Amino acid sequence: MVFRIPRIILLISLLLLLSACGTKATASIVLPQPSATITVTAFQPGPTSTPLAPTPTPEPLAILVNGESISLAEYNAELQRFQASLKDTGKTIAAGDAQKQVVSNLVDETLLAQAAFKGGLALDDAAVAKRITDLTTQVGGSQAFSDWMKKNFYSDDSLKVALRRSIAAAWQRDHVTSTAPTTADQVHARQMLFLDPDTADRYYQQLKAGADFATLAFAVDPDTGGDLGWFPKGYLVLPEIETAAFALQPGQFSQVIKTTYGYQIIFVQERDSQHPLSADARRLIQQQLLENWLKDQNAQSKIEILVPSQ
């Protein structure tokens, strides 16, 4: 039985694959002070005058990330998409938690995109248009794409904004995760897992008496013999098991360790300071690199959340 962290890399796909004419009149305003008369010119619309254009109303904002705005409309649409995805999977989440998740996703994606453009990414309108053309083909044509946009609460303009940010964020994500090593200090270990302490202690006493760990492990787990394979630090779900494994030398076994799974004994077969990482282990390291990068960027950035908490 291998205890691994069921994580996926973050984060980041949209499919996964989103002057008037008139007459003037003079009026006098007399102030309270003696001999203080001020004459002002007031505008009176004539029969052919054109009303002044109204002042544009600023678009309501939801989030500001280092001065870059995310509109309230975009936030609301993203929240709708998030809630729809939960409904499709049958999951439920409190409104406040859903809001926090959507805000976090938008902030993280914006931080990634900002870093990408700062790092030299060139992304013009033609590249975004090509991506839309590719997406249209993938979903089955213009009508299918139009239906998809409607279902996912996108307008033409909002899709372009979302795509531009998403493409840039993916570029920066790949830049960050590409620094993950391909080798690491790892151990190759086995385990025996028991549901009660008495059985665990009985096997432990046999080991102390000189019994072969692999032989006993296959008696406990005939399928795998308790083989955990190679793993680096930070890979196992249970930190106490990992700590015990890395504290042992090859050929040594641990005492009985009580965990949330039961009672376990760990045996280290071999250790290599530069053992090649499995694809799964390297993905976990990449995930950790990305999480650490985002944590640092969030701490260093000016982020303003303008939507009221739910």
C-alpha atoms as a PDB file:
ATOM      1  CA  MET A   1       0.000   0.000   0.000  1.00  0.00           C
ATOM      2  CA  VAL A   2       1.570   3.260  -1.126  1.00  0.00           C
ATOM      3  CA  PHE A   3       0.558   6.415   0.714  1.00  0.00           C
ATOM      4  CA  ARG A   4       0.820   9.293  -1.748  1.00  0.00           C
ATOM      5  CA  ILE A   5      -0.546  12.789  -1.847  1.00  0.00           C
ATOM      6  CA  PRO A   6      -3.394  12.935  -4.387  1.00  0.00           C
ATOM      7  CA  ARG A   7      -2.634  16.294  -5.907  1.00  0.00           C
ATOM      8  CA  ILE A   8      -2.813  17.743  -9.376  1.00  0.00           C
ATOM      9  CA  ILE A   9      -0.980  20.684 -10.837  1.00  0.00           C
ATOM     10  CA  LEU A  10      -2.560  23.373 -10.396  1.00  0.00           C
ATOM     11  CA  LEU A  11      -4.623  25.285 -11.552  1.00  0.00           C
ATOM     12  CA  ILE A  12      -5.210  26.696 -15.220  1.00  0.00           C
ATOM     13  CA  SER A  13      -7.266  25.734 -18.164  1.00  0.00           C
ATOM     14  CA  LEU A  14     -10.418  26.998 -19.592  1.00  0.00           C
ATOM     15  CA  LEU A  15     -11.692  23.645 -21.331  1.00  0.00           C
ATOM     16  CA  LEU A  16      -9.110  20.610 -19.546  1.00  0.00           C
ATOM     17  CA  LEU A  17      -9.161  21.252 -21.003  1.00  0.00           C
ATOM     18  CA  LEU A  18     -12.136  31.760 -20.962  1.00  0.00           C
ATOM     19  CA  SER A  19     -20.066  72.144 -27.602  1.00  0.00           C
ATOM     20  CA  ALA A  20     -23.487  72.799 -27.779  1.00  0.00           C
ATOM     21  CA  CYS A  21     -25.104  75.696 -29.701  1.00  0.00           C
ATOM     22  CA  GLY A  22     -27.518  78.002 -27.843  1.00  0.00           C
ATOM     23  CA  THR A  23     -28.238  81.454 -26.421  1.00  0.00           C
ATOM     24  CA  LYS A  24     -26.522  82.911 -23.368  1.00  0.00           C
ATOM     25  CA  ALA A  25     -28.053  85.029 -20.597  1.00  0.00           C
ATOM     26  CA  THR A  26     -26.461  87.013 -17.787  1.00  0.00           C
ATOM     27  CA  ALA A  27     -27.353  86.492 -14.139  1.00  0.00           C
ATOM     28  CA  SER A  28     -26.078  88.349 -11.083  1.00  0.00           C
ATOM     29  CA  ILE A  29     -25.289  86.772  -7.757  1.00  0.00           C
ATOM     30  CA  VAL A  30     -24.966  89.258  -4.862  1.00  0.00           C
ATOM     31  CA  LEU A  31     -22.887  88.046  -1.961  1.00  0.00           C
ATOM     32  CA  PRO A  32     -23.649  89.185   1.606  1.00  0.00           C
ATOM     33  CA  GLN A  33     -20.572  91.427   1.778  1.00  0.00           C
ATOM     34  CA  PRO A  34     -21.025  95.121   0.691  1.00  0.00           C
ATOM     35  CA  SER A  35     -20.104  95.876  -2.922  1.00  0.00           C
ATOM     36  CA  ALA A  36     -19.378  92.231  -3.663  1.00  0.00           C
ATOM     37  CA  THR A  37     -21.205  91.458  -6.892  1.00  0.00           C
ATOM     38  CA  ILE A  38     -20.059  88.605  -9.109  1.00  0.00           C
ATOM     39  CA  THR A  39     -21.410  88.105 -12.594  1.00  0.00           C
ATOM     40  CA  VAL A  40     -21.519  84.590 -14.009  1.00  0.00           C
ATOM     41  CA  THR A  41     -22.661  83.258 -17.336  1.00  0.00           C
ATOM     42  CA  ALA A  42     -25.238  80.519 -17.207  1.00  0.00           C
ATOM     43  CA  PHE A  43     -25.978  78.195 -20.103  1.00  0.00           C
ATOM     44  CA  GLN A  44     -29.558  78.099 -21.333  1.00  0.00           C
ATOM     45  CA  PRO A  45     -30.301  75.537 -24.058  1.00  0.00           C
ATOM     46  CA  GLY A  46     -31.759  77.068 -27.197  1.00  0.00           C
ATOM     47  CA  PRO A  47     -34.072  75.289 -29.568  1.00  0.00           C
ATOM     48  CA  THR A  48     -31.165  73.773 -31.537  1.00  0.00           C
ATOM     49  CA  SER A  49     -28.765  73.016 -28.670  1.00  0.00           C
ATOM     50  CA  THR A  50     -27.398  69.503 -28.077  1.00  0.00           C
ATOM     51  CA  PRO A  51     -27.340  68.198 -24.462  1.00  0.00           C
ATOM     52  CA  LEU A  52     -23.955  67.538 -22.983  1.00  0.00           C
ATOM     53  CA  ALA A  53     -22.883  63.899 -23.101  1.00  0.00           C
ATOM     54  CA  PRO A  54     -23.290  62.133 -19.761  1.00  0.00           C
ATOM     55  CA  THR A  55     -20.149  61.273 -17.844  1.00  0.00           C
ATOM     56  CA  PRO A  56     -19.344  57.566 -18.304  1.00  0.00           C
ATOM     57  CA  THR A  57     -20.021  55.457 -15.240  1.00  0.00           C
ATOM     58  CA  PRO A  58     -16.885  53.585 -14.145  1.00  0.00           C
ATOM     59  CA  GLU A  59     -17.135  49.809 -14.481  1.00  0.00           C
ATOM     60  CA  PRO A  60     -17.622  48.208 -11.062  1.00  0.00           C
ATOM     61  CA  LEU A  61     -14.517  46.329  -9.927  1.00  0.00           C
ATOM     62  CA  ALA A  62     -14.138  43.203  -7.833  1.00  0.00           C
ATOM     63  CA  ILE A  63     -10.373  42.858  -7.367  1.00  0.00           C
ATOM     64  CA  LEU A  64      -7.231  44.926  -7.870  1.00  0.00           C
ATOM     65  CA  VAL A  65      -3.922  43.095  -8.213  1.00  0.00           C
ATOM     66  CA  ASN A  66      -0.921  45.433  -8.287  1.00  0.00           C
ATOM     67  CA  GLY A  67      -3.179  48.052  -9.853  1.00  0.00           C
ATOM     68  CA  GLU A  68      -4.602  45.682 -12.492  1.00  0.00           C
ATOM     69  CA  SER A  69      -8.366  45.429 -12.247  1.00  0.00           C
ATOM     70  CA  ILE A  70     -10.702  42.464 -12.446  1.00  0.00           C
ATOM     71  CA  SER A  71     -14.238  43.626 -13.109  1.00  0.00           C
ATOM     72  CA  LEU A  72     -17.232  42.685 -11.012  1.00  0.00           C
ATOM     73  CA  ALA A  73     -18.852  41.198 -14.116  1.00  0.00           C
ATOM     74  CA  GLU A  74     -15.860  38.937 -14.708  1.00  0.00           C
ATOM     75  CA  TYR A  75     -15.785  37.876 -11.066  1.00  0.00           C
ATOM     76  CA  ASN A  76     -19.506  37.076 -11.086  1.00  0.00           C
ATOM     77  CA  ALA A  77     -19.150  35.020 -14.264  1.00  0.00           C
ATOM     78  CA  GLU A  78     -16.206  33.102 -12.793  1.00  0.00           C
ATOM     79  CA  LEU A  79     -18.222  32.431  -9.651  1.00  0.00           C
ATOM     80  CA  GLN A  80     -21.066  31.082 -11.802  1.00  0.00           C
ATOM     81  CA  ARG A  81     -18.655  28.800 -13.643  1.00  0.00           C
ATOM     82  CA  PHE A  82     -17.215  27.555 -10.366  1.00  0.00           C
ATOM     83  CA  GLN A  83     -20.649  26.837  -8.914  1.00  0.00           C
ATOM     84  CA  ALA A  84     -21.695  25.072 -12.122  1.00  0.00           C
ATOM     85  CA  SER A  85     -18.608  22.844 -11.971  1.00  0.00           C
ATOM     86  CA  LEU A  86     -19.451  21.905  -8.392  1.00  0.00           C
ATOM     87  CA  LYS A  87     -22.987  21.030  -9.422  1.00  0.00           C
ATOM     88  CA  ASP A  88     -21.697  18.832 -12.255  1.00  0.00           C
ATOM     89  CA  THR A  89     -19.555  16.847  -9.815  1.00  0.00           C
ATOM     90  CA  GLY A  90     -22.238  16.682  -7.136  1.00  0.00           C
ATOM     91  CA  LYS A  91     -20.137  18.603  -4.627  1.00  0.00           C
ATOM     92  CA  THR A  92     -21.392  21.344  -2.345  1.00  0.00           C
ATOM     93  CA  ILE A  93     -19.506  24.210  -0.743  1.00  0.00           C
ATOM     94  CA  ALA A  94     -20.517  27.162   1.445  1.00  0.00           C
ATOM     95  CA  ALA A  95     -21.062  30.453  -0.392  1.00  0.00           C
ATOM     96  CA  GLY A  96     -18.240  32.125   1.515  1.00  0.00           C
ATOM     97  CA  ASP A  97     -15.817  29.327   0.688  1.00  0.00           C
ATOM     98  CA  ALA A  98     -16.797  29.456  -2.977  1.00  0.00           C
ATOM     99  CA  GLN A  99     -16.125  33.187  -3.020  1.00  0.00           C
ATOM    100  CA  LYS A 100     -12.709  32.731  -1.403  1.00  0.00           C
ATOM    101  CA  GLN A 101     -11.760  30.042  -3.902  1.00  0.00           C
ATOM    102  CA  VAL A 102     -12.787  32.111  -6.918  1.00  0.00           C
ATOM    103  CA  VAL A 103     -11.011  35.206  -5.621  1.00  0.00           C
ATOM    104  CA  SER A 104      -7.887  33.151  -4.905  1.00  0.00           C
ATOM    105  CA  ASN A 105      -7.940  31.597  -8.378  1.00  0.00           C
ATOM    106  CA  LEU A 106      -8.319  34.959 -10.107  1.00  0.00           C
ATOM    107  CA  VAL A 107      -5.585  36.567  -8.007  1.00  0.00           C
ATOM    108  CA  ASP A 108      -3.166  33.687  -8.573  1.00  0.00           C
ATOM    109  CA  GLU A 109      -3.798  33.613 -12.311  1.00  0.00           C
ATOM    110  CA  THR A 110      -3.324  37.378 -12.540  1.00  0.00           C
ATOM    111  CA  LEU A 111      -0.048  37.206 -10.608  1.00  0.00           C
ATOM    112  CA  LEU A 112       1.210  34.484 -12.932  1.00  0.00           C
ATOM    113  CA  ALA A 113       0.201  36.470 -16.016  1.00  0.00           C
ATOM    114  CA  GLN A 114       1.819  39.657 -14.723  1.00  0.00           C
ATOM    115  CA  ALA A 115       5.065  37.801 -14.134  1.00  0.00           C
ATOM    116  CA  ALA A 116       4.891  36.274 -17.619  1.00  0.00           C
ATOM    117  CA  PHE A 117       4.564  39.638 -19.345  1.00  0.00           C
ATOM    118  CA  LYS A 118       7.254  41.113 -17.109  1.00  0.00           C
ATOM    119  CA  GLY A 119       9.456  38.177 -18.009  1.00  0.00           C
ATOM    120  CA  GLY A 120       9.214  38.840 -21.715  1.00  0.00           C
ATOM    121  CA  LEU A 121       6.156  36.966 -22.970  1.00  0.00           C
ATOM    122  CA  ALA A 122       4.791  38.575 -26.135  1.00  0.00           C
ATOM    123  CA  LEU A 123       1.105  37.863 -26.643  1.00  0.00           C
ATOM    124  CA  ASP A 124      -0.700  39.935 -29.277  1.00  0.00           C
ATOM    125  CA  ASP A 125      -4.336  39.958 -30.392  1.00  0.00           C
ATOM    126  CA  ALA A 126      -3.539  37.629 -33.269  1.00  0.00           C
ATOM    127  CA  ALA A 127      -2.326  34.927 -30.876  1.00  0.00           C
ATOM    128  CA  VAL A 128      -5.504  35.174 -28.807  1.00  0.00           C
ATOM    129  CA  ALA A 129      -7.630  35.092 -31.974  1.00  0.00           C
ATOM    130  CA  LYS A 130      -5.818  31.957 -33.116  1.00  0.00           C
ATOM    131  CA  ARG A 131      -6.524  30.290 -29.804  1.00  0.00           C
ATOM    132  CA  ILE A 132     -10.211  31.099 -30.191  1.00  0.00           C
ATOM    133  CA  THR A 133     -10.149  29.628 -33.699  1.00  0.00           C
ATOM    134  CA  ASP A 134      -8.515  26.476 -32.356  1.00  0.00           C
ATOM    135  CA  LEU A 135     -11.081  26.199 -29.573  1.00  0.00           C
ATOM    136  CA  THR A 136     -13.905  26.659 -32.055  1.00  0.00           C
ATOM    137  CA  THR A 137     -12.583  23.755 -34.098  1.00  0.00           C
ATOM    138  CA  GLN A 138     -12.129  21.568 -31.029  1.00  0.00           C
ATOM    139  CA  VAL A 139     -15.707  21.944 -29.839  1.00  0.00           C
ATOM    140  CA  GLY A 140     -17.194  21.283 -33.270  1.00  0.00           C
ATOM    141  CA  GLY A 141     -17.711  24.599 -35.067  1.00  0.00           C
ATOM    142  CA  SER A 142     -19.094  28.097 -34.609  1.00  0.00           C
ATOM    143  CA  GLN A 143     -22.530  27.136 -33.328  1.00  0.00           C
ATOM    144  CA  ALA A 144     -21.162  24.663 -30.817  1.00  0.00           C
ATOM    145  CA  PHE A 145     -18.626  27.231 -29.671  1.00  0.00           C
ATOM    146  CA  SER A 146     -21.345  29.873 -29.320  1.00  0.00           C
ATOM    147  CA  ASP A 147     -23.397  27.439 -27.237  1.00  0.00           C
ATOM    148  CA  TRP A 148     -20.346  26.659 -25.096  1.00  0.00           C
ATOM    149  CA  MET A 149     -19.713  30.370 -24.468  1.00  0.00           C
ATOM    150  CA  LYS A 150     -23.306  30.916 -23.419  1.00  0.00           C
ATOM    151  CA  LYS A 151     -23.287  27.889 -21.141  1.00  0.00           C
ATOM    152  CA  ASN A 152     -20.058  29.082 -19.512  1.00  0.00           C
ATOM    153  CA  PHE A 153     -21.129  32.736 -19.127  1.00  0.00           C
ATOM    154  CA  TYR A 154     -18.657  34.232 -21.616  1.00  0.00           C
ATOM    155  CA  SER A 155     -19.092  37.196 -23.948  1.00  0.00           C
ATOM    156  CA  ASP A 156     -16.741  37.812 -26.872  1.00  0.00           C
ATOM    157  CA  ASP A 157     -14.831  40.439 -24.915  1.00  0.00           C
ATOM    158  CA  SER A 158     -14.698  38.570 -21.607  1.00  0.00           C
ATOM    159  CA  LEU A 159     -13.439  35.432 -23.335  1.00  0.00           C
ATOM    160  CA  LYS A 160     -10.563  37.347 -24.925  1.00  0.00           C
ATOM    161  CA  VAL A 161      -9.607  38.816 -21.550  1.00  0.00           C
ATOM    162  CA  ALA A 162      -9.786  35.428 -19.838  1.00  0.00           C
ATOM    163  CA  LEU A 163      -7.855  33.666 -22.601  1.00  0.00           C
ATOM    164  CA  ARG A 164      -5.094  36.251 -22.615  1.00  0.00           C
ATOM    165  CA  ARG A 165      -4.631  35.920 -18.877  1.00  0.00           C
ATOM    166  CA  SER A 166      -4.880  32.123 -18.984  1.00  0.00           C
ATOM    167  CA  ILE A 167      -2.293  31.729 -21.750  1.00  0.00           C
ATOM    168  CA  ALA A 168       0.136  34.015 -19.940  1.00  0.00           C
ATOM    169  CA  ALA A 169      -0.463  32.268 -16.604  1.00  0.00           C
ATOM    170  CA  ALA A 170       0.219  28.860 -18.144  1.00  0.00           C
ATOM    171  CA  TRP A 171       3.467  30.192 -19.639  1.00  0.00           C
ATOM    172  CA  GLN A 172       4.648  31.404 -16.238  1.00  0.00           C
ATOM    173  CA  ARG A 173       3.511  28.216 -14.507  1.00  0.00           C
ATOM    174  CA  ASP A 174       5.625  26.160 -16.900  1.00  0.00           C
ATOM    175  CA  HIS A 175       8.556  28.522 -16.318  1.00  0.00           C
ATOM    176  CA  VAL A 176       8.313  28.036 -12.546  1.00  0.00           C
ATOM    177  CA  THR A 177       7.821  24.267 -12.602  1.00  0.00           C
ATOM    178  CA  SER A 178      10.580  23.683 -15.156  1.00  0.00           C
ATOM    179  CA  THR A 179      13.095  24.293 -12.378  1.00  0.00           C
ATOM    180  CA  ALA A 180      12.055  21.093 -10.585  1.00  0.00           C
ATOM    181  CA  PRO A 181      14.946  18.624 -10.290  1.00  0.00           C
ATOM    182  CA  THR A 182      14.889  15.232 -11.965  1.00  0.00           C
ATOM    183  CA  THR A 183      16.697  13.457  -9.108  1.00  0.00           C
ATOM    184  CA  ALA A 184      16.472  13.638  -5.305  1.00  0.00           C
ATOM    185  CA  ASP A 185      17.541  11.952  -2.086  1.00  0.00           C
ATOM    186  CA  GLN A 186      15.192   8.963  -1.862  1.00  0.00           C
ATOM    187  CA  VAL A 187      14.671   5.723   0.022  1.00  0.00           C
ATOM    188  CA  HIS A 188      13.238   2.425  -1.157  1.00  0.00           C
ATOM    189  CA  ALA A 189      11.125   1.103   1.700  1.00  0.00           C
ATOM    190  CA  ARG A 190       8.678  -1.603   2.695  1.00  0.00           C
ATOM    191  CA  GLN A 191       5.995  -1.564   5.361  1.00  0.00           C
ATOM    192  CA  MET A 192       3.825  -3.869   7.373  1.00  0.00           C
ATOM    193  CA  LEU A 193       0.434  -2.447   8.322  1.00  0.00           C
ATOM    194  CA  PHE A 194      -1.709  -3.844  11.134  1.00  0.00           C
ATOM    195  CA  LEU A 195      -5.084  -2.873  12.549  1.00  0.00           C
ATOM    196  CA  ASP A 196      -4.311  -3.744  16.172  1.00  0.00           C
ATOM    197  CA  PRO A 197      -1.233  -3.158  18.349  1.00  0.00           C
ATOM    198  CA  ASP A 198      -0.965  -6.710  19.598  1.00  0.00           C
ATOM    199  CA  THR A 199      -0.486  -8.182  16.120  1.00  0.00           C
ATOM    200  CA  ALA A 200       1.955  -5.414  15.235  1.00  0.00           C
ATOM    201  CA  ASP A 201       3.995  -6.120  18.357  1.00  0.00           C
ATOM    202  CA  ARG A 202       4.045  -9.862  17.633  1.00  0.00           C
ATOM    203  CA  TYR A 203       5.573  -9.258  14.196  1.00  0.00           C
ATOM    204  CA  TYR A 204       7.958  -6.693  15.656  1.00  0.00           C
ATOM    205  CA  GLN A 205       9.260  -9.266  18.124  1.00  0.00           C
ATOM    206  CA  GLN A 206       9.851 -11.701  15.251  1.00  0.00           C
ATOM    207  CA  LEU A 207      11.905  -9.051  13.472  1.00  0.00           C
ATOM    208  CA  LYS A 208      13.958  -8.465  16.615  1.00  0.00           C
ATOM    209  CA  ALA A 209      14.553 -12.192  16.777  1.00  0.00           C
ATOM    210  CA  GLY A 210      16.084 -12.110  13.283  1.00  0.00           C
ATOM    211  CA  ALA A 211      13.147 -12.846  10.943  1.00  0.00           C
ATOM    212  CA  ASP A 212      13.424 -11.565   7.361  1.00  0.00           C
ATOM    213  CA  PHE A 213      11.324  -8.436   6.854  1.00  0.00           C
ATOM    214  CA  ALA A 214      10.332  -9.202   3.248  1.00  0.00           C
ATOM    215  CA  THR A 215       9.150 -12.699   4.176  1.00  0.00           C
ATOM    216  CA  LEU A 216       6.943 -11.372   6.966  1.00  0.00           C
ATOM    217  CA  ALA A 217       5.746  -8.495   4.786  1.00  0.00           C
ATOM    218  CA  PHE A 218       4.525 -10.901   2.106  1.00  0.00           C
ATOM    219  CA  ALA A 219       2.679 -12.833   4.786  1.00  0.00           C
ATOM    220  CA  VAL A 220       0.881  -9.623   5.759  1.00  0.00           C
ATOM    221  CA  ASP A 221       0.421  -8.362   2.182  1.00  0.00           C
ATOM    222  CA  PRO A 222       0.695 -11.218  -0.343  1.00  0.00           C
ATOM    223  CA  ASP A 223       0.196  -8.891  -3.325  1.00  0.00           C
ATOM    224  CA  THR A 224       3.002  -6.360  -2.866  1.00  0.00           C
ATOM    225  CA  GLY A 225       4.909  -7.408   0.226  1.00  0.00           C
ATOM    226  CA  GLY A 226       4.358  -3.900   1.545  1.00  0.00           C
ATOM    227  CA  ASP A 227       6.650  -2.387  -1.102  1.00  0.00           C
ATOM    228  CA  LEU A 228       6.408   1.414  -0.981  1.00  0.00           C
ATOM    229  CA  GLY A 229       8.854   1.890  -3.834  1.00  0.00           C
ATOM    230  CA  TRP A 230      11.240   4.841  -4.038  1.00  0.00           C
ATOM    231  CA  PHE A 231      10.105   8.178  -2.633  1.00  0.00           C
ATOM    232  CA  PRO A 232      11.637  11.571  -1.691  1.00  0.00           C
ATOM    233  CA  LYS A 233      10.921  13.655   1.375  1.00  0.00           C
ATOM    234  CA  GLY A 234       7.513  15.297   1.276  1.00  0.00           C
ATOM    235  CA  TYR A 235       5.935  12.563  -0.841  1.00  0.00           C
ATOM    236  CA  LEU A 236       4.093  10.384   1.671  1.00  0.00           C
ATOM    237  CA  VAL A 237       0.754  11.319   3.201  1.00  0.00           C
ATOM    238  CA  LEU A 238       1.933  10.321   6.669  1.00  0.00           C
ATOM    239  CA  PRO A 239       4.872  12.483   7.795  1.00  0.00           C
ATOM    240  CA  GLU A 240       5.639  10.183  10.720  1.00  0.00           C
ATOM    241  CA  ILE A 241       6.231   7.257   8.353  1.00  0.00           C
ATOM    242  CA  GLU A 242       8.415   9.381   6.108  1.00  0.00           C
ATOM    243  CA  THR A 243      10.418  10.687   9.060  1.00  0.00           C
ATOM    244  CA  ALA A 244      11.000   7.150  10.294  1.00  0.00           C
ATOM    245  CA  ALA A 245      12.064   5.940   6.855  1.00  0.00           C
ATOM    246  CA  PHE A 246      14.645   8.680   6.345  1.00  0.00           C
ATOM    247  CA  ALA A 247      16.019   8.125   9.858  1.00  0.00           C
ATOM    248  CA  LEU A 248      16.854   4.484   9.059  1.00  0.00           C
ATOM    249  CA  GLN A 249      19.872   3.059   7.314  1.00  0.00           C
ATOM    250  CA  PRO A 250      19.460   0.394   4.617  1.00  0.00           C
ATOM    251  CA  GLY A 251      18.681  -2.937   6.303  1.00  0.00           C
ATOM    252  CA  GLN A 252      17.132  -1.341   9.392  1.00  0.00           C
ATOM    253  CA  PHE A 253      13.476  -1.471  10.507  1.00  0.00           C
ATOM    254  CA  SER A 254      11.502   0.924  12.711  1.00  0.00           C
ATOM    255  CA  GLN A 255       9.590   0.361  15.899  1.00  0.00           C
ATOM    256  CA  VAL A 256       5.809   0.035  15.697  1.00  0.00           C
ATOM    257  CA  ILE A 257       4.425   3.418  14.639  1.00  0.00           C
ATOM    258  CA  LYS A 258       0.821   4.332  15.401  1.00  0.00           C
ATOM    259  CA  THR A 259      -0.798   6.274  12.548  1.00  0.00           C
ATOM    260  CA  THR A 260      -4.282   7.157  11.356  1.00  0.00           C
ATOM    261  CA  TYR A 261      -4.166   3.981   9.236  1.00  0.00           C
ATOM    262  CA  GLY A 262      -3.274   1.650  12.070  1.00  0.00           C
ATOM    263  CA  TYR A 263       0.063   0.335  13.314  1.00  0.00           C
ATOM    264  CA  GLN A 264       3.007   0.213  10.953  1.00  0.00           C
ATOM    265  CA  ILE A 265       6.572  -1.047  10.817  1.00  0.00           C
ATOM    266  CA  ILE A 266       8.909   0.425   8.193  1.00  0.00           C
ATOM    267  CA  PHE A 267      11.972  -1.213   6.637  1.00  0.00           C
ATOM    268  CA  VAL A 268      14.476   0.609   4.408  1.00  0.00           C
ATOM    269  CA  GLN A 269      15.927  -1.581   1.666  1.00  0.00           C
ATOM    270  CA  GLU A 270      18.172   1.010   0.008  1.00  0.00           C
ATOM    271  CA  ARG A 271      18.867   4.719  -0.244  1.00  0.00           C
ATOM    272  CA  ASP A 272      20.216   6.921  -3.038  1.00  0.00           C
ATOM    273  CA  SER A 273      21.019  10.631  -2.695  1.00  0.00           C
ATOM    274  CA  GLN A 274      20.499  11.225  -6.443  1.00  0.00           C
ATOM    275  CA  HIS A 275      17.835   8.704  -7.404  1.00  0.00           C
ATOM    276  CA  PRO A 276      15.735   9.585 -10.496  1.00  0.00           C
ATOM    277  CA  LEU A 277      12.314  10.898  -9.549  1.00  0.00           C
ATOM    278  CA  SER A 278       9.221   9.107 -10.759  1.00  0.00           C
ATOM    279  CA  ALA A 279       6.850  11.185 -12.893  1.00  0.00           C
ATOM    280  CA  ASP A 280       4.379  11.291  -9.987  1.00  0.00           C
ATOM    281  CA  ALA A 281       7.016  12.422  -7.476  1.00  0.00           C
ATOM    282  CA  ARG A 282       8.347  15.119  -9.816  1.00  0.00           C
ATOM    283  CA  ARG A 283       4.804  16.427 -10.363  1.00  0.00           C
ATOM    284  CA  LEU A 284       4.457  16.764  -6.597  1.00  0.00           C
ATOM    285  CA  ILE A 285       7.713  18.735  -6.400  1.00  0.00           C
ATOM    286  CA  GLN A 286       6.499  20.940  -9.262  1.00  0.00           C
ATOM    287  CA  GLN A 287       3.253  21.502  -7.385  1.00  0.00           C
ATOM    288  CA  GLN A 288       5.168  22.513  -4.279  1.00  0.00           C
ATOM    289  CA  LEU A 289       7.369  24.898  -6.279  1.00  0.00           C
ATOM    290  CA  LEU A 290       4.303  26.559  -7.783  1.00  0.00           C
ATOM    291  CA  GLU A 291       2.533  26.834  -4.421  1.00  0.00           C
ATOM    292  CA  ASN A 292       5.622  28.404  -2.838  1.00  0.00           C
ATOM    293  CA  TRP A 293       5.997  30.849  -5.750  1.00  0.00           C
ATOM    294  CA  LEU A 294       2.362  31.935  -5.466  1.00  0.00           C
ATOM    295  CA  LYS A 295       2.642  32.290  -1.697  1.00  0.00           C
ATOM    296  CA  ASP A 296       5.638  34.601  -2.094  1.00  0.00           C
ATOM    297  CA  GLN A 297       3.967  36.653  -4.834  1.00  0.00           C
ATOM    298  CA  ASN A 298       0.784  37.073  -2.795  1.00  0.00           C
ATOM    299  CA  ALA A 299       2.851  38.318   0.151  1.00  0.00           C
ATOM    300  CA  GLN A 300       4.795  40.803  -1.986  1.00  0.00           C
ATOM    301  CA  SER A 301       1.876  42.181  -4.012  1.00  0.00           C
ATOM    302  CA  LYS A 302      -0.786  44.792  -3.361  1.00  0.00           C
ATOM    303  CA  ILE A 303      -4.093  42.969  -3.539  1.00  0.00           C
ATOM    304  CA  GLU A 304      -7.427  44.689  -2.903  1.00  0.00           C
ATOM    305  CA  ILE A 305     -10.621  42.630  -2.613  1.00  0.00           C
ATOM    306  CA  LEU A 306     -13.539  44.950  -3.349  1.00  0.00           C
ATOM    307  CA  VAL A 307     -16.426  42.464  -3.228  1.00  0.00           C
ATOM    308  CA  PRO A 308     -18.103  42.123   0.185  1.00  0.00           C
ATOM    309  CA  SER A 309     -17.527  38.844   2.007  1.00  0.00           C
ATOM    310  CA  GLN A 310     -20.403  36.390   1.963  1.00  0.00           C
END
